[in-house]
Amino acid sequence: MEYVYEMPGEMLKETEKKGEVRRFAYDTQTYDKEGSRSLKKGAWVYLPYGYSSDRQYNVLYLLHGGGVNEDWWFKMFPDTVTILDNMMAGKVCEPCIIVAPTYYRGEEEEDKNAEYITEQFHYELRRDLVPAVESAFSTYAGGDVSEENLIRTRNHRAFAGLSLGSMTTYRAAFYNNFDLFSWYGPFSGCCGPKGDHDREVERIRKTLAEGEKKGLMLDYLFCCNGDQDIAFAEHKDIMDRAEALCPQLVKGRNYDFFTIPGGVHDMKAWQLHLYHALQVFFSPEQSFREDLSAMGQ
């Protein structure tokens, strides 16, 4: 794949081969180990043009940033949908399902507890969101959303997010659900301006090392940032150190850090990150399809 630093114009033109953005409601029961409560939540699901229950689709779970909600990617920025339509119609990437949820719970003090909420989102992600989505749509799980089968089909599942959603990509998906996802796209940041870089590097190292022992390989960690983004310095420092310490990270094979010269903390950059990530995710050339878990060992 050749990187570009501006969205190609043809990606922003209307196409007749339009996907569908569908509202999806689900119940979430669990947030943390201390207790549980039922809450109705919603997400937006992008179904590619020609979606059919007769075939199976890879799934990308795609998060927004702080202070907004699941409307961000598809409703607040409908040109994201146009980009996706054009990518799939032009075979820039394979047709896939994209789910845009929210980590927020509707609590009045949610912004004050944002980092805690994003970390705790891993419970809802595992127990509620993924099983609900992959029971309702035609994915490689084949309707079997048992934990065993979700682990077996992890190569067909990706997680990405921007800003606070980028932090959530690390915390909820990578560190805590590495057995459910094998493709990751953190777009703008790892731990925020007050984060502990040493702790994040160690969490990355531990996740990859323990995953390798269990036969769970990383398909791709596609980190992205603009070099003028407020999150660039911390993200780059952490990943440079992690790359040096983790033999499981091989640049160009299952890891990269895509940087937009002059790129800032905005939707133009995040859409470009998504454009590149979808060209990496689910690619047979990039994938370690021979996970021991997939072979039942």
Protein backbone atom coordinates (compact mmCIF):
# COMPACT_ATOMS: atom_id res chain seq x y z
CA MET A 1 0.00 0.00 0.00
CA GLU A 2 1.22 3.48 -0.89
CA TYR A 3 0.44 6.13 1.70
CA VAL A 4 -1.21 9.39 0.65
CA TYR A 5 -1.58 12.54 2.72
CA GLU A 6 -4.80 13.89 1.23
CA MET A 7 -8.00 11.94 0.71
CA PRO A 8 -8.21 11.02 -3.01
CA GLY A 9 -10.93 13.08 -4.68
CA GLU A 10 -12.68 10.05 -6.13
CA MET A 11 -13.39 8.82 -2.61
CA LEU A 12 -15.62 11.84 -1.96
CA LYS A 13 -17.84 11.52 -5.03
CA GLU A 14 -21.28 9.99 -4.80
CA THR A 15 -21.56 6.43 -6.07
CA GLU A 16 -24.58 4.38 -7.03
CA LYS A 17 -23.24 1.48 -4.99
CA LYS A 18 -24.24 2.80 -1.58
CA GLY A 19 -24.07 0.87 1.64
CA GLU A 20 -26.69 1.11 4.35
CA VAL A 21 -26.27 2.71 7.76
CA ARG A 22 -28.62 0.98 10.14
CA ARG A 23 -29.48 1.79 13.76
CA PHE A 24 -28.74 -1.11 16.08
CA ALA A 25 -30.09 -1.38 19.64
CA TYR A 26 -28.78 -3.74 22.27
CA ASP A 27 -28.85 -4.31 26.02
CA THR A 28 -25.73 -4.07 28.11
CA GLN A 29 -25.69 -5.73 31.49
CA THR A 30 -22.16 -5.39 32.77
CA TYR A 31 -19.67 -2.60 33.25
CA ASP A 32 -17.35 -3.77 36.00
CA LYS A 33 -16.71 -6.52 38.47
CA GLU A 34 -18.53 -4.76 41.32
CA GLY A 35 -21.98 -5.17 39.87
CA SER A 36 -24.28 -5.04 36.90
CA ARG A 37 -27.30 -3.20 35.63
CA SER A 38 -29.27 -3.27 32.43
CA LEU A 39 -29.05 -0.35 30.04
CA LYS A 40 -30.40 0.15 26.55
CA LYS A 41 -27.72 1.34 24.18
CA GLY A 42 -27.43 2.00 20.48
CA ALA A 43 -24.84 1.89 17.73
CA TRP A 44 -24.76 2.60 14.01
CA VAL A 45 -23.90 -0.27 11.71
CA TYR A 46 -22.59 0.24 8.19
CA LEU A 47 -23.54 -2.61 5.87
CA PRO A 48 -21.70 -2.63 2.52
CA TYR A 49 -23.49 -2.40 -0.81
CA GLY A 50 -24.91 -5.79 -1.70
CA TYR A 51 -24.84 -7.02 1.90
CA SER A 52 -26.21 -10.55 1.98
CA SER A 53 -26.81 -13.06 4.75
CA ASP A 54 -25.50 -15.66 2.29
CA ARG A 55 -21.90 -14.56 2.79
CA GLN A 56 -19.72 -13.80 5.81
CA TYR A 57 -18.18 -10.40 6.54
CA ASN A 58 -15.27 -9.13 8.57
CA VAL A 59 -16.20 -6.59 11.23
CA LEU A 60 -14.54 -3.34 12.30
CA TYR A 61 -15.66 -1.77 15.59
CA LEU A 62 -15.00 1.96 15.23
CA LEU A 63 -15.06 4.46 18.10
CA HIS A 64 -15.51 8.22 18.38
CA GLY A 65 -13.57 10.61 20.63
CA GLY A 66 -14.36 12.41 23.87
CA GLY A 67 -17.54 14.37 24.47
CA VAL A 68 -19.51 13.04 21.49
CA ASN A 69 -21.33 9.76 20.84
CA GLU A 70 -22.00 7.00 18.33
CA ASP A 71 -23.36 9.53 15.81
CA TRP A 72 -19.88 10.88 15.12
CA TRP A 73 -18.50 8.79 12.27
CA PHE A 74 -21.60 8.25 10.12
CA LYS A 75 -24.20 10.85 11.11
CA MET A 76 -22.16 13.91 12.05
CA PHE A 77 -19.75 13.23 9.16
CA PRO A 78 -21.79 11.50 6.45
CA ASP A 79 -18.89 11.88 4.03
CA THR A 80 -17.33 8.98 5.97
CA VAL A 81 -20.06 6.80 4.49
CA THR A 82 -19.30 8.14 1.00
CA ILE A 83 -15.63 7.25 1.48
CA LEU A 84 -16.55 3.74 2.58
CA ASP A 85 -18.93 3.29 -0.35
CA ASN A 86 -16.24 4.33 -2.81
CA MET A 87 -13.53 2.22 -1.22
CA MET A 88 -15.64 -0.91 -1.44
CA ALA A 89 -17.11 -0.16 -4.85
CA GLY A 90 -13.61 0.49 -6.20
CA LYS A 91 -12.18 -2.60 -4.50
CA VAL A 92 -9.75 -0.46 -2.51
CA CYS A 93 -10.72 -2.68 0.39
CA GLU A 94 -12.92 -5.73 0.84
CA PRO A 95 -16.56 -5.17 1.81
CA CYS A 96 -16.92 -5.32 5.58
CA ILE A 97 -19.33 -4.42 8.35
CA ILE A 98 -18.41 -1.37 10.44
CA VAL A 99 -19.97 -0.83 13.86
CA ALA A 100 -19.89 2.61 15.49
CA PRO A 101 -20.81 2.30 19.20
CA THR A 102 -20.15 4.54 22.21
CA TYR A 103 -18.32 3.86 25.46
CA TYR A 104 -20.45 6.45 27.27
CA ARG A 105 -23.23 5.33 29.59
CA GLY A 106 -25.39 8.44 29.73
CA GLU A 107 -24.13 9.41 33.17
CA GLU A 108 -24.08 13.09 34.14
CA GLU A 109 -20.46 12.96 35.26
CA GLU A 110 -19.23 10.88 32.35
CA ASP A 111 -16.67 13.37 31.05
CA LYS A 112 -14.99 13.61 34.46
CA ASN A 113 -14.56 9.84 34.47
CA ALA A 114 -13.76 9.44 30.79
CA GLU A 115 -10.56 7.44 31.15
CA TYR A 116 -12.14 5.07 33.68
CA ILE A 117 -15.14 4.56 31.39
CA THR A 118 -12.99 3.76 28.37
CA GLU A 119 -11.00 1.19 30.35
CA GLN A 120 -14.15 -0.42 31.75
CA PHE A 121 -15.74 -0.54 28.29
CA HIS A 122 -13.92 -3.82 27.72
CA TYR A 123 -16.57 -5.65 29.78
CA GLU A 124 -19.45 -4.34 27.68
CA LEU A 125 -17.48 -4.91 24.49
CA ARG A 126 -16.89 -8.57 25.26
CA ARG A 127 -20.10 -9.55 27.00
CA ASP A 128 -22.70 -7.43 25.25
CA LEU A 129 -21.72 -5.53 22.10
CA VAL A 130 -19.77 -8.12 20.10
CA PRO A 131 -22.21 -10.98 20.83
CA ALA A 132 -25.22 -8.77 20.01
CA VAL A 133 -23.78 -7.53 16.71
CA GLU A 134 -22.51 -10.89 15.57
CA SER A 135 -25.79 -12.58 16.41
CA ALA A 136 -27.67 -10.08 14.27
CA PHE A 137 -25.41 -9.79 11.22
CA SER A 138 -23.63 -12.22 8.94
CA THR A 139 -20.06 -12.44 10.20
CA TYR A 140 -17.42 -15.15 10.37
CA ALA A 141 -18.78 -16.09 13.79
CA GLY A 142 -21.63 -17.69 11.86
CA GLY A 143 -24.14 -16.77 14.54
CA ASP A 144 -22.23 -18.72 17.20
CA VAL A 145 -21.27 -16.05 19.74
CA SER A 146 -19.90 -18.38 22.37
CA GLU A 147 -16.64 -17.12 23.81
CA GLU A 148 -14.82 -20.10 22.31
CA ASN A 149 -16.03 -19.29 18.80
CA LEU A 150 -15.41 -15.56 19.12
CA ILE A 151 -11.83 -16.34 20.05
CA ARG A 152 -11.53 -18.77 17.16
CA THR A 153 -12.72 -16.08 14.70
CA ARG A 154 -10.64 -13.18 16.09
CA ASN A 155 -8.78 -12.78 12.78
CA HIS A 156 -12.02 -11.47 11.27
CA ARG A 157 -12.48 -8.73 13.85
CA ALA A 158 -10.81 -5.29 14.11
CA PHE A 159 -11.04 -2.37 16.52
CA ALA A 160 -10.12 1.28 15.89
CA GLY A 161 -10.89 4.68 17.34
CA LEU A 162 -9.89 8.32 17.38
CA SER A 163 -8.51 10.41 20.28
CA LEU A 164 -10.14 9.07 23.47
CA GLY A 165 -11.35 6.25 21.24
CA SER A 166 -7.70 5.63 20.33
CA MET A 167 -6.93 5.23 24.02
CA THR A 168 -9.92 2.88 24.22
CA THR A 169 -8.49 0.84 21.35
CA TYR A 170 -5.50 0.11 23.55
CA ARG A 171 -7.33 -0.28 26.84
CA ALA A 172 -10.60 -2.01 26.00
CA ALA A 173 -9.64 -4.01 22.91
CA PHE A 174 -5.87 -4.57 22.87
CA TYR A 175 -4.94 -4.99 26.55
CA ASN A 176 -8.15 -6.63 27.74
CA ASN A 177 -9.64 -8.41 24.71
CA PHE A 178 -6.62 -9.45 22.69
CA ASP A 179 -8.18 -12.87 22.26
CA LEU A 180 -11.19 -11.36 20.44
CA PHE A 181 -9.43 -8.98 18.03
CA SER A 182 -6.29 -9.29 15.92
CA TRP A 183 -6.37 -5.96 14.00
CA TYR A 184 -6.05 -2.58 15.71
CA GLY A 185 -6.14 1.06 14.61
CA PRO A 186 -5.36 3.62 17.31
CA PHE A 187 -5.85 7.02 15.63
CA SER A 188 -4.29 9.80 17.78
CA GLY A 189 -2.87 8.82 21.11
CA CYS A 190 -2.28 6.06 23.61
CA CYS A 191 -2.46 7.47 27.13
CA GLY A 192 -3.20 11.20 26.94
CA PRO A 193 -1.04 14.10 28.15
CA LYS A 194 -1.01 12.94 31.79
CA GLY A 195 -0.46 9.26 31.07
CA ASP A 196 2.37 7.06 32.29
CA HIS A 197 4.46 6.12 29.26
CA ASP A 198 6.37 3.39 31.10
CA ARG A 199 3.12 1.73 32.15
CA GLU A 200 1.71 1.78 28.61
CA VAL A 201 4.89 0.34 27.10
CA GLU A 202 4.80 -2.46 29.65
CA ARG A 203 1.13 -3.18 28.97
CA ILE A 204 1.85 -3.44 25.24
CA ARG A 205 4.83 -5.71 25.87
CA LYS A 206 2.88 -7.93 28.27
CA THR A 207 -0.15 -8.20 25.95
CA LEU A 208 1.95 -9.30 22.99
CA ALA A 209 4.15 -11.68 25.00
CA GLU A 210 1.23 -13.38 26.76
CA GLY A 211 -0.74 -13.55 23.52
CA GLU A 212 2.17 -15.23 21.78
CA LYS A 213 2.40 -17.85 24.55
CA LYS A 214 -1.28 -18.66 23.99
CA GLY A 215 -0.84 -18.88 20.23
CA LEU A 216 -2.68 -15.59 19.66
CA MET A 217 -0.76 -13.61 17.06
CA LEU A 218 -1.13 -9.96 16.17
CA ASP A 219 -2.31 -9.48 12.60
CA TYR A 220 -1.68 -5.72 12.52
CA LEU A 221 -1.29 -2.76 14.86
CA PHE A 222 -1.77 0.25 12.60
CA CYS A 223 -0.99 3.36 14.64
CA CYS A 224 -1.74 6.77 13.14
CA ASN A 225 -1.15 10.44 13.97
CA GLY A 226 -0.52 13.77 12.36
CA ASP A 227 2.83 15.21 13.37
CA GLN A 228 1.11 18.41 14.54
CA ASP A 229 -1.56 16.49 16.46
CA ILE A 230 -1.67 17.20 20.21
CA ALA A 231 -1.46 13.45 20.82
CA PHE A 232 1.51 12.82 18.50
CA ALA A 233 4.45 13.11 20.90
CA GLU A 234 3.14 10.73 23.55
CA HIS A 235 1.87 8.22 21.02
CA LYS A 236 5.10 8.17 19.03
CA ASP A 237 7.31 7.91 22.12
CA ILE A 238 5.33 4.98 23.51
CA MET A 239 5.25 3.09 20.22
CA ASP A 240 8.92 3.71 19.41
CA ARG A 241 9.84 2.23 22.78
CA ALA A 242 7.37 -0.65 22.41
CA GLU A 243 8.71 -1.50 18.96
CA ALA A 244 12.24 -1.69 20.33
CA LEU A 245 11.18 -3.95 23.21
CA CYS A 246 8.66 -6.22 21.48
CA PRO A 247 9.99 -8.80 19.00
CA GLN A 248 6.35 -9.47 18.06
CA LEU A 249 6.13 -6.03 16.39
CA VAL A 250 7.67 -6.14 12.92
CA LYS A 251 7.37 -2.89 11.01
CA GLY A 252 5.81 -3.38 7.60
CA ARG A 253 4.64 -6.88 8.47
CA ASN A 254 2.27 -6.46 11.39
CA TYR A 255 2.98 -2.94 12.63
CA ASP A 256 3.33 0.58 11.33
CA PHE A 257 3.05 4.16 12.54
CA PHE A 258 1.47 6.23 9.78
CA THR A 259 2.21 9.94 10.18
CA ILE A 260 0.55 12.76 8.25
CA PRO A 261 2.97 15.68 7.75
CA GLY A 262 1.23 18.75 9.16
CA GLY A 263 -1.74 16.63 10.27
CA VAL A 264 -3.69 17.81 13.30
CA HIS A 265 -6.33 16.47 15.71
CA ASP A 266 -9.28 16.62 13.32
CA MET A 267 -11.70 14.60 11.26
CA LYS A 268 -9.80 15.14 8.02
CA ALA A 269 -6.86 13.23 9.51
CA TRP A 270 -9.02 10.54 11.13
CA GLN A 271 -10.85 9.79 7.90
CA LEU A 272 -7.48 9.44 6.17
CA HIS A 273 -6.34 7.08 8.92
CA LEU A 274 -9.47 5.00 8.36
CA TYR A 275 -8.86 5.02 4.61
CA HIS A 276 -5.41 3.52 5.11
CA ALA A 277 -6.38 1.16 7.91
CA LEU A 278 -9.06 -0.52 5.83
CA GLN A 279 -6.45 -1.30 3.20
CA VAL A 280 -4.46 -3.16 5.86
CA PHE A 281 -7.19 -4.79 7.92
CA PHE A 282 -8.29 -8.29 6.93
CA SER A 283 -5.69 -8.56 4.19
CA PRO A 284 -4.61 -12.19 3.68
CA GLU A 285 -1.08 -10.99 2.93
CA GLN A 286 -0.87 -9.39 6.38
CA SER A 287 -2.71 -12.00 8.41
CA PHE A 288 -1.32 -14.69 10.67
CA ARG A 289 -4.17 -17.04 9.80
CA GLU A 290 -2.51 -19.96 11.52
CA ASP A 291 -3.25 -18.93 15.12
CA LEU A 292 -3.07 -21.96 17.36
CA SER A 293 -6.49 -20.94 18.66
CA ALA A 294 -7.96 -21.19 15.16
CA MET A 295 -6.53 -24.66 14.77
CA GLY A 296 -8.05 -25.77 18.05
CA GLN A 297 -4.71 -26.34 19.77
